[in-house]
Amino acid sequence: MSPIGAQEQRVLKKGDVMSQADGIAGGSGVFEVLVVDGDDVAREGLISAASGEKDLDVCGSVRDGVEARGFLAHREVDAAVVEMSIDGGHGLEFVEKLRETRPGIKVVVVSACEDLGYVRRAFRVGASGYVSSRGGAVNVIRGIRAVVSGKAHVSDEIVERIIEAKTS
């Protein structure tokens, strides 16, 4: 797999990133996921980590909201992983617009920010999950699985922050 260039939008076909296998999703057995992250290394890392997952297919990988909207104009996905700092730090605005136009898409927000105000805002604008980037790709994958199965999800790092806030 070649790295994604700074200006390149990449549309992956089934089999490019992972082999076809039985999963738990309806229909094809595989949940299709779009990754929206301006950091090429982080985006490729998540794609690489997901490549071994039989029930997930990263069918698209884009750098920002404009590319994501272009991708979604031609393709349906089950979930989107959105890094909060896209579009000049306006990732939550993108999430809100995405959920208004595509209410069926489950969104997992990934961020280095663990401030509970941002976490609450992410859920208010339509995110189904919020994952601290400190937890790595495995936690993002856990979040994707939770939200596509209809559950809300916050990573362990965020749960720790909630407990600290309640006990201090």
N, C-alpha and C. Protein backbone atom coordinates (compact mmCIF):
# COMPACT_ATOMS: atom_id res chain seq x y z
N MET A 1 0.85 -1.17 0.00
CA MET A 1 0.00 0.00 0.00
C MET A 1 0.90 1.24 0.00
N SER A 2 0.61 2.14 -0.91
CA SER A 2 1.43 3.35 -0.98
C SER A 2 0.89 4.41 -0.05
N PRO A 3 1.74 5.27 0.48
CA PRO A 3 1.28 6.33 1.37
C PRO A 3 0.39 7.31 0.62
N ILE A 4 -0.47 7.96 1.35
CA ILE A 4 -1.36 8.94 0.76
C ILE A 4 -0.64 10.27 0.71
N GLY A 5 -0.60 10.88 -0.46
CA GLY A 5 0.06 12.16 -0.63
C GLY A 5 -0.75 13.28 0.01
N ALA A 6 -0.13 14.42 0.16
CA ALA A 6 -0.75 15.54 0.86
C ALA A 6 -2.03 16.00 0.20
N GLN A 7 -2.14 15.94 -1.12
CA GLN A 7 -3.32 16.44 -1.80
C GLN A 7 -4.18 15.31 -2.37
N GLU A 8 -3.84 14.08 -2.11
CA GLU A 8 -4.51 12.95 -2.74
C GLU A 8 -5.69 12.47 -1.89
N GLN A 9 -6.82 12.23 -2.54
CA GLN A 9 -7.94 11.57 -1.89
C GLN A 9 -7.90 10.12 -2.35
N ARG A 10 -8.05 9.22 -1.42
CA ARG A 10 -7.91 7.82 -1.77
C ARG A 10 -9.21 7.09 -1.49
N VAL A 11 -9.71 6.39 -2.47
CA VAL A 11 -10.89 5.55 -2.31
C VAL A 11 -10.40 4.12 -2.40
N LEU A 12 -10.61 3.40 -1.34
CA LEU A 12 -10.17 2.01 -1.28
C LEU A 12 -11.32 1.11 -1.67
N LYS A 13 -11.02 0.05 -2.38
CA LYS A 13 -12.01 -0.93 -2.74
C LYS A 13 -11.89 -2.10 -1.77
N LYS A 14 -12.98 -2.82 -1.60
CA LYS A 14 -12.90 -4.00 -0.75
C LYS A 14 -11.74 -4.87 -1.23
N GLY A 15 -10.95 -5.34 -0.29
CA GLY A 15 -9.82 -6.17 -0.62
C GLY A 15 -8.51 -5.40 -0.68
N ASP A 16 -8.58 -4.06 -0.91
CA ASP A 16 -7.36 -3.26 -0.94
C ASP A 16 -6.70 -3.23 0.43
N VAL A 17 -7.51 -3.09 1.47
CA VAL A 17 -6.99 -2.94 2.81
C VAL A 17 -7.15 -4.22 3.61
N MET A 18 -8.20 -4.94 3.36
CA MET A 18 -8.43 -6.15 4.12
C MET A 18 -9.08 -7.20 3.24
N SER A 19 -8.95 -8.44 3.63
CA SER A 19 -9.58 -9.50 2.87
C SER A 19 -11.05 -9.59 3.21
N GLN A 20 -11.83 -10.09 2.30
CA GLN A 20 -13.24 -10.30 2.57
C GLN A 20 -13.36 -11.44 3.58
N ALA A 21 -14.20 -11.25 4.54
CA ALA A 21 -14.41 -12.29 5.55
C ALA A 21 -15.76 -12.08 6.17
N ASP A 22 -16.24 -13.10 6.82
CA ASP A 22 -17.51 -12.96 7.51
C ASP A 22 -17.34 -12.05 8.71
N GLY A 23 -18.28 -11.18 8.89
CA GLY A 23 -18.26 -10.27 10.03
C GLY A 23 -19.62 -10.26 10.69
N ILE A 24 -19.92 -9.17 11.37
CA ILE A 24 -21.18 -9.10 12.08
C ILE A 24 -22.14 -8.08 11.49
N ALA A 25 -21.73 -7.35 10.45
CA ALA A 25 -22.58 -6.34 9.85
C ALA A 25 -23.66 -7.01 9.01
N GLY A 26 -24.74 -6.28 8.83
CA GLY A 26 -25.81 -6.79 7.98
C GLY A 26 -25.38 -6.77 6.53
N GLY A 27 -26.01 -7.60 5.71
CA GLY A 27 -25.72 -7.59 4.28
C GLY A 27 -24.39 -8.22 3.97
N SER A 28 -23.38 -7.39 3.77
CA SER A 28 -22.08 -7.88 3.32
C SER A 28 -21.26 -8.54 4.42
N GLY A 29 -21.63 -8.33 5.67
CA GLY A 29 -20.84 -8.88 6.77
C GLY A 29 -19.69 -8.00 7.19
N VAL A 30 -19.55 -6.82 6.56
CA VAL A 30 -18.43 -5.93 6.85
C VAL A 30 -18.96 -4.50 6.99
N PHE A 31 -18.53 -3.81 8.03
CA PHE A 31 -18.88 -2.40 8.20
C PHE A 31 -17.92 -1.55 7.40
N GLU A 32 -18.45 -0.62 6.62
CA GLU A 32 -17.61 0.26 5.82
C GLU A 32 -17.36 1.56 6.58
N VAL A 33 -16.09 1.97 6.61
CA VAL A 33 -15.67 3.09 7.43
C VAL A 33 -14.89 4.10 6.58
N LEU A 34 -15.19 5.38 6.81
CA LEU A 34 -14.43 6.48 6.22
C LEU A 34 -13.58 7.11 7.30
N VAL A 35 -12.29 7.32 7.02
CA VAL A 35 -11.39 7.96 7.97
C VAL A 35 -11.13 9.38 7.48
N VAL A 36 -11.39 10.37 8.36
CA VAL A 36 -11.19 11.78 8.03
C VAL A 36 -10.17 12.34 9.02
N ASP A 37 -8.95 12.53 8.54
CA ASP A 37 -7.87 12.99 9.42
C ASP A 37 -6.81 13.68 8.57
N GLY A 38 -6.44 14.88 8.95
CA GLY A 38 -5.45 15.64 8.21
C GLY A 38 -4.02 15.14 8.38
N ASP A 39 -3.78 14.27 9.33
CA ASP A 39 -2.45 13.74 9.59
C ASP A 39 -2.26 12.43 8.83
N ASP A 40 -1.42 12.48 7.79
CA ASP A 40 -1.22 11.30 6.95
C ASP A 40 -0.75 10.09 7.74
N VAL A 41 0.15 10.29 8.69
CA VAL A 41 0.69 9.18 9.47
C VAL A 41 -0.40 8.55 10.33
N ALA A 42 -1.20 9.37 10.99
CA ALA A 42 -2.28 8.85 11.83
C ALA A 42 -3.31 8.11 10.99
N ARG A 43 -3.64 8.68 9.84
CA ARG A 43 -4.64 8.06 8.96
C ARG A 43 -4.14 6.70 8.47
N GLU A 44 -2.91 6.66 8.00
CA GLU A 44 -2.35 5.39 7.52
C GLU A 44 -2.20 4.38 8.65
N GLY A 45 -1.89 4.86 9.86
CA GLY A 45 -1.79 3.96 11.01
C GLY A 45 -3.11 3.29 11.33
N LEU A 46 -4.19 4.05 11.27
CA LEU A 46 -5.51 3.47 11.53
C LEU A 46 -5.89 2.49 10.43
N ILE A 47 -5.60 2.84 9.19
CA ILE A 47 -5.89 1.92 8.08
C ILE A 47 -5.11 0.62 8.27
N SER A 48 -3.86 0.74 8.62
CA SER A 48 -3.03 -0.45 8.83
C SER A 48 -3.57 -1.31 9.97
N ALA A 49 -3.95 -0.66 11.07
CA ALA A 49 -4.49 -1.42 12.21
C ALA A 49 -5.80 -2.10 11.85
N ALA A 50 -6.64 -1.43 11.07
CA ALA A 50 -7.93 -2.00 10.70
C ALA A 50 -7.81 -3.10 9.66
N SER A 51 -6.68 -3.16 8.97
CA SER A 51 -6.53 -4.13 7.88
C SER A 51 -6.63 -5.57 8.36
N GLY A 52 -6.36 -5.82 9.60
CA GLY A 52 -6.47 -7.17 10.13
C GLY A 52 -7.83 -7.49 10.72
N GLU A 53 -8.74 -6.55 10.65
CA GLU A 53 -10.07 -6.73 11.25
C GLU A 53 -11.05 -7.25 10.21
N LYS A 54 -11.63 -8.40 10.45
CA LYS A 54 -12.50 -9.04 9.46
C LYS A 54 -13.83 -8.33 9.28
N ASP A 55 -14.26 -7.58 10.28
CA ASP A 55 -15.58 -6.95 10.21
C ASP A 55 -15.54 -5.48 9.83
N LEU A 56 -14.35 -4.94 9.54
CA LEU A 56 -14.22 -3.53 9.19
C LEU A 56 -13.51 -3.38 7.85
N ASP A 57 -14.02 -2.48 7.02
CA ASP A 57 -13.38 -2.16 5.75
C ASP A 57 -13.22 -0.65 5.68
N VAL A 58 -11.98 -0.17 5.76
CA VAL A 58 -11.74 1.27 5.58
C VAL A 58 -11.84 1.51 4.07
N CYS A 59 -13.01 1.95 3.65
CA CYS A 59 -13.30 2.10 2.22
C CYS A 59 -12.90 3.47 1.69
N GLY A 60 -12.55 4.40 2.60
CA GLY A 60 -12.13 5.72 2.18
C GLY A 60 -11.26 6.38 3.21
N SER A 61 -10.37 7.22 2.72
CA SER A 61 -9.43 7.92 3.59
C SER A 61 -9.22 9.30 3.00
N VAL A 62 -9.61 10.34 3.76
CA VAL A 62 -9.53 11.71 3.26
C VAL A 62 -8.94 12.61 4.33
N ARG A 63 -8.49 13.81 3.90
CA ARG A 63 -7.79 14.73 4.78
C ARG A 63 -8.69 15.73 5.49
N ASP A 64 -9.87 16.05 4.94
CA ASP A 64 -10.67 17.12 5.52
C ASP A 64 -12.14 16.98 5.17
N GLY A 65 -12.93 17.93 5.65
CA GLY A 65 -14.37 17.89 5.43
C GLY A 65 -14.76 18.02 3.97
N VAL A 66 -14.05 18.84 3.21
CA VAL A 66 -14.36 19.01 1.79
C VAL A 66 -14.18 17.67 1.06
N GLU A 67 -13.06 17.01 1.29
CA GLU A 67 -12.83 15.71 0.65
C GLU A 67 -13.84 14.68 1.13
N ALA A 68 -14.20 14.73 2.40
CA ALA A 68 -15.18 13.78 2.95
C ALA A 68 -16.54 13.96 2.28
N ARG A 69 -16.97 15.20 2.13
CA ARG A 69 -18.25 15.44 1.46
C ARG A 69 -18.22 14.95 0.02
N GLY A 70 -17.11 15.16 -0.67
CA GLY A 70 -16.97 14.66 -2.03
C GLY A 70 -17.04 13.14 -2.08
N PHE A 71 -16.36 12.50 -1.16
CA PHE A 71 -16.37 11.04 -1.09
C PHE A 71 -17.79 10.52 -0.82
N LEU A 72 -18.46 11.14 0.15
CA LEU A 72 -19.79 10.69 0.56
C LEU A 72 -20.88 11.00 -0.47
N ALA A 73 -20.59 11.87 -1.41
CA ALA A 73 -21.54 12.13 -2.49
C ALA A 73 -21.70 10.91 -3.39
N HIS A 74 -20.70 10.01 -3.36
CA HIS A 74 -20.71 8.85 -4.25
C HIS A 74 -20.67 7.51 -3.53
N ARG A 75 -20.66 7.55 -2.21
CA ARG A 75 -20.49 6.29 -1.46
C ARG A 75 -21.18 6.36 -0.11
N GLU A 76 -21.88 5.32 0.24
CA GLU A 76 -22.48 5.20 1.57
C GLU A 76 -21.49 4.49 2.48
N VAL A 77 -21.44 4.90 3.74
CA VAL A 77 -20.60 4.22 4.73
C VAL A 77 -21.42 4.01 5.99
N ASP A 78 -20.98 3.06 6.80
CA ASP A 78 -21.64 2.81 8.08
C ASP A 78 -21.15 3.75 9.16
N ALA A 79 -19.86 4.12 9.09
CA ALA A 79 -19.27 4.95 10.14
C ALA A 79 -18.19 5.85 9.56
N ALA A 80 -17.97 6.97 10.26
CA ALA A 80 -16.87 7.86 9.93
C ALA A 80 -16.06 8.10 11.20
N VAL A 81 -14.76 8.03 11.06
CA VAL A 81 -13.84 8.39 12.14
C VAL A 81 -13.33 9.78 11.79
N VAL A 82 -13.61 10.76 12.66
CA VAL A 82 -13.28 12.15 12.36
C VAL A 82 -12.35 12.69 13.43
N GLU A 83 -11.17 13.12 13.01
CA GLU A 83 -10.23 13.75 13.94
C GLU A 83 -10.70 15.18 14.16
N MET A 84 -10.80 15.59 15.41
CA MET A 84 -11.44 16.84 15.76
C MET A 84 -10.74 18.07 15.19
N SER A 85 -9.47 18.02 14.91
CA SER A 85 -8.76 19.22 14.46
C SER A 85 -8.83 19.46 12.95
N ILE A 86 -9.58 18.62 12.21
CA ILE A 86 -9.68 18.87 10.76
C ILE A 86 -10.33 20.22 10.51
N ASP A 87 -10.15 20.69 9.32
CA ASP A 87 -10.76 21.95 8.88
C ASP A 87 -10.41 23.10 9.81
N GLY A 88 -9.13 23.17 10.16
CA GLY A 88 -8.66 24.27 10.99
C GLY A 88 -9.22 24.25 12.40
N GLY A 89 -9.45 23.06 12.93
CA GLY A 89 -9.97 22.93 14.29
C GLY A 89 -11.48 22.93 14.36
N HIS A 90 -12.14 22.80 13.23
CA HIS A 90 -13.60 22.84 13.19
C HIS A 90 -14.21 21.47 12.88
N GLY A 91 -13.59 20.45 13.39
CA GLY A 91 -14.07 19.09 13.15
C GLY A 91 -15.47 18.84 13.68
N LEU A 92 -15.82 19.47 14.80
CA LEU A 92 -17.16 19.25 15.35
C LEU A 92 -18.23 19.91 14.49
N GLU A 93 -17.90 21.02 13.84
CA GLU A 93 -18.85 21.62 12.90
C GLU A 93 -19.09 20.67 11.72
N PHE A 94 -18.01 20.01 11.26
CA PHE A 94 -18.15 19.03 10.20
C PHE A 94 -19.05 17.88 10.66
N VAL A 95 -18.84 17.41 11.89
CA VAL A 95 -19.66 16.31 12.42
C VAL A 95 -21.13 16.72 12.43
N GLU A 96 -21.40 17.92 12.90
CA GLU A 96 -22.79 18.39 12.97
C GLU A 96 -23.44 18.42 11.59
N LYS A 97 -22.74 18.97 10.60
CA LYS A 97 -23.29 19.03 9.23
C LYS A 97 -23.45 17.64 8.64
N LEU A 98 -22.48 16.77 8.92
CA LEU A 98 -22.55 15.40 8.42
C LEU A 98 -23.78 14.70 8.97
N ARG A 99 -24.03 14.82 10.25
CA ARG A 99 -25.17 14.14 10.87
C ARG A 99 -26.51 14.75 10.41
N GLU A 100 -26.50 16.05 10.06
CA GLU A 100 -27.72 16.66 9.52
C GLU A 100 -28.05 16.10 8.14
N THR A 101 -27.02 15.89 7.33
CA THR A 101 -27.25 15.42 5.96
C THR A 101 -27.27 13.90 5.84
N ARG A 102 -26.60 13.22 6.76
CA ARG A 102 -26.53 11.75 6.74
C ARG A 102 -26.78 11.21 8.15
N PRO A 103 -28.02 11.27 8.60
CA PRO A 103 -28.29 10.88 10.00
C PRO A 103 -27.98 9.43 10.33
N GLY A 104 -27.86 8.57 9.34
CA GLY A 104 -27.58 7.17 9.61
C GLY A 104 -26.12 6.85 9.87
N ILE A 105 -25.22 7.76 9.52
CA ILE A 105 -23.80 7.51 9.71
C ILE A 105 -23.45 7.64 11.19
N LYS A 106 -22.75 6.66 11.71
CA LYS A 106 -22.24 6.73 13.08
C LYS A 106 -20.87 7.40 13.04
N VAL A 107 -20.64 8.33 13.95
CA VAL A 107 -19.40 9.10 13.94
C VAL A 107 -18.62 8.87 15.22
N VAL A 108 -17.35 8.52 15.07
CA VAL A 108 -16.43 8.44 16.19
C VAL A 108 -15.47 9.61 16.06
N VAL A 109 -15.47 10.49 17.05
CA VAL A 109 -14.54 11.62 17.08
C VAL A 109 -13.27 11.15 17.77
N VAL A 110 -12.13 11.46 17.16
CA VAL A 110 -10.82 11.15 17.75
C VAL A 110 -10.13 12.47 18.03
N SER A 111 -9.58 12.61 19.23
CA SER A 111 -8.93 13.87 19.58
C SER A 111 -7.90 13.68 20.68
N ALA A 112 -6.89 14.54 20.64
CA ALA A 112 -5.94 14.61 21.75
C ALA A 112 -6.54 15.37 22.91
N CYS A 113 -7.61 16.10 22.66
CA CYS A 113 -8.27 16.89 23.70
C CYS A 113 -9.17 16.00 24.55
N GLU A 114 -8.91 15.99 25.84
CA GLU A 114 -9.71 15.19 26.76
C GLU A 114 -10.58 16.06 27.67
N ASP A 115 -10.75 17.32 27.30
CA ASP A 115 -11.58 18.24 28.05
C ASP A 115 -13.03 17.78 27.94
N LEU A 116 -13.69 17.62 29.08
CA LEU A 116 -15.05 17.07 29.08
C LEU A 116 -16.05 17.98 28.39
N GLY A 117 -15.78 19.28 28.32
CA GLY A 117 -16.65 20.19 27.59
C GLY A 117 -16.68 19.84 26.10
N TYR A 118 -15.52 19.52 25.54
CA TYR A 118 -15.46 19.12 24.13
C TYR A 118 -16.14 17.77 23.92
N VAL A 119 -15.97 16.88 24.87
CA VAL A 119 -16.61 15.56 24.77
C VAL A 119 -18.13 15.74 24.74
N ARG A 120 -18.67 16.54 25.66
CA ARG A 120 -20.12 16.79 25.69
C ARG A 120 -20.58 17.42 24.37
N ARG A 121 -19.82 18.40 23.90
CA ARG A 121 -20.20 19.07 22.65
C ARG A 121 -20.20 18.09 21.48
N ALA A 122 -19.22 17.20 21.44
CA ALA A 122 -19.17 16.21 20.37
C ALA A 122 -20.45 15.37 20.35
N PHE A 123 -20.91 14.94 21.50
CA PHE A 123 -22.14 14.15 21.55
C PHE A 123 -23.36 15.01 21.21
N ARG A 124 -23.35 16.26 21.64
CA ARG A 124 -24.47 17.16 21.32
C ARG A 124 -24.63 17.37 19.82
N VAL A 125 -23.51 17.44 19.08
CA VAL A 125 -23.62 17.69 17.64
C VAL A 125 -23.81 16.41 16.83
N GLY A 126 -23.83 15.26 17.49
CA GLY A 126 -24.18 14.04 16.78
C GLY A 126 -23.17 12.92 16.78
N ALA A 127 -22.05 13.09 17.46
CA ALA A 127 -21.09 11.98 17.54
C ALA A 127 -21.71 10.83 18.33
N SER A 128 -21.35 9.63 17.96
CA SER A 128 -21.78 8.44 18.69
C SER A 128 -20.69 7.94 19.61
N GLY A 129 -19.46 8.40 19.36
CA GLY A 129 -18.33 7.99 20.18
C GLY A 129 -17.27 9.06 20.22
N TYR A 130 -16.45 9.01 21.28
CA TYR A 130 -15.34 9.96 21.45
C TYR A 130 -14.17 9.18 21.99
N VAL A 131 -13.06 9.22 21.27
CA VAL A 131 -11.89 8.43 21.63
C VAL A 131 -10.68 9.36 21.76
N SER A 132 -9.96 9.22 22.85
CA SER A 132 -8.71 9.96 23.03
C SER A 132 -7.66 9.36 22.11
N SER A 133 -6.95 10.21 21.39
CA SER A 133 -5.90 9.70 20.51
C SER A 133 -4.76 9.07 21.31
N ARG A 134 -4.72 9.36 22.60
CA ARG A 134 -3.70 8.75 23.46
C ARG A 134 -3.86 7.24 23.53
N GLY A 135 -5.07 6.75 23.29
CA GLY A 135 -5.34 5.32 23.39
C GLY A 135 -4.92 4.50 22.18
N GLY A 136 -4.57 5.15 21.08
CA GLY A 136 -4.10 4.43 19.90
C GLY A 136 -5.21 3.85 19.04
N ALA A 137 -4.78 3.25 17.94
CA ALA A 137 -5.71 2.73 16.93
C ALA A 137 -6.62 1.64 17.47
N VAL A 138 -6.13 0.82 18.37
CA VAL A 138 -6.96 -0.27 18.89
C VAL A 138 -8.19 0.28 19.60
N ASN A 139 -8.06 1.43 20.26
CA ASN A 139 -9.22 2.03 20.92
C ASN A 139 -10.17 2.67 19.92
N VAL A 140 -9.64 3.17 18.82
CA VAL A 140 -10.51 3.70 17.77
C VAL A 140 -11.33 2.55 17.17
N ILE A 141 -10.70 1.44 16.93
CA ILE A 141 -11.39 0.27 16.39
C ILE A 141 -12.48 -0.20 17.36
N ARG A 142 -12.17 -0.22 18.64
CA ARG A 142 -13.16 -0.58 19.65
C ARG A 142 -14.35 0.39 19.59
N GLY A 143 -14.05 1.68 19.42
CA GLY A 143 -15.11 2.68 19.30
C GLY A 143 -15.97 2.49 18.07
N ILE A 144 -15.35 2.17 16.95
CA ILE A 144 -16.12 1.92 15.72
C ILE A 144 -17.08 0.77 15.94
N ARG A 145 -16.57 -0.31 16.49
CA ARG A 145 -17.43 -1.49 16.71
C ARG A 145 -18.60 -1.16 17.63
N ALA A 146 -18.35 -0.38 18.66
CA ALA A 146 -19.42 -0.02 19.59
C ALA A 146 -20.50 0.79 18.88
N VAL A 147 -20.10 1.83 18.14
CA VAL A 147 -21.10 2.72 17.55
C VAL A 147 -21.88 2.06 16.43
N VAL A 148 -21.25 1.21 15.63
CA VAL A 148 -22.01 0.54 14.56
C VAL A 148 -22.97 -0.50 15.12
N SER A 149 -22.74 -0.92 16.36
CA SER A 149 -23.69 -1.85 16.99
C SER A 149 -24.75 -1.11 17.79
N GLY A 150 -24.78 0.24 17.66
CA GLY A 150 -25.84 1.03 18.27
C GLY A 150 -25.55 1.56 19.66
N LYS A 151 -24.33 1.42 20.13
CA LYS A 151 -23.97 1.89 21.46
C LYS A 151 -23.19 3.20 21.39
N ALA A 152 -23.32 4.02 22.40
CA ALA A 152 -22.45 5.19 22.54
C ALA A 152 -21.12 4.68 23.10
N HIS A 153 -20.04 5.41 22.81
CA HIS A 153 -18.73 4.95 23.27
C HIS A 153 -17.84 6.12 23.66
N VAL A 154 -17.17 5.99 24.78
CA VAL A 154 -16.08 6.89 25.15
C VAL A 154 -14.90 6.01 25.56
N SER A 155 -13.71 6.45 25.21
CA SER A 155 -12.52 5.65 25.51
C SER A 155 -12.24 5.68 27.01
N ASP A 156 -11.43 4.73 27.45
CA ASP A 156 -11.08 4.61 28.86
C ASP A 156 -10.47 5.89 29.42
N GLU A 157 -9.68 6.58 28.59
CA GLU A 157 -9.04 7.82 29.05
C GLU A 157 -10.08 8.88 29.39
N ILE A 158 -11.16 8.91 28.63
CA ILE A 158 -12.24 9.88 28.88
C ILE A 158 -13.04 9.45 30.11
N VAL A 159 -13.28 8.18 30.26
CA VAL A 159 -13.97 7.67 31.45
C VAL A 159 -13.19 8.06 32.70
N GLU A 160 -11.86 7.92 32.65
CA GLU A 160 -11.02 8.33 33.79
C GLU A 160 -11.21 9.80 34.11
N ARG A 161 -11.29 10.65 33.08
CA ARG A 161 -11.49 12.09 33.29
C ARG A 161 -12.86 12.35 33.93
N ILE A 162 -13.88 11.62 33.51
CA ILE A 162 -15.21 11.79 34.08
C ILE A 162 -15.19 11.41 35.56
N ILE A 163 -14.55 10.31 35.89
CA ILE A 163 -14.48 9.87 37.29
C ILE A 163 -13.70 10.89 38.12
N GLU A 164 -12.59 11.37 37.58
CA GLU A 164 -11.81 12.40 38.31
C GLU A 164 -12.66 13.63 38.57
N ALA A 165 -13.43 14.06 37.57
CA ALA A 165 -14.26 15.25 37.73
C ALA A 165 -15.34 15.04 38.77
N LYS A 166 -15.87 13.84 38.86
CA LYS A 166 -16.94 13.54 39.82
C LYS A 166 -16.42 13.37 41.24
N THR A 167 -15.15 13.01 41.38
CA THR A 167 -14.62 12.74 42.72
C THR A 167 -13.75 13.84 43.27
N SER A 168 -13.52 14.89 42.49
CA SER A 168 -12.66 15.98 43.00
C SER A 168 -13.45 17.21 43.37
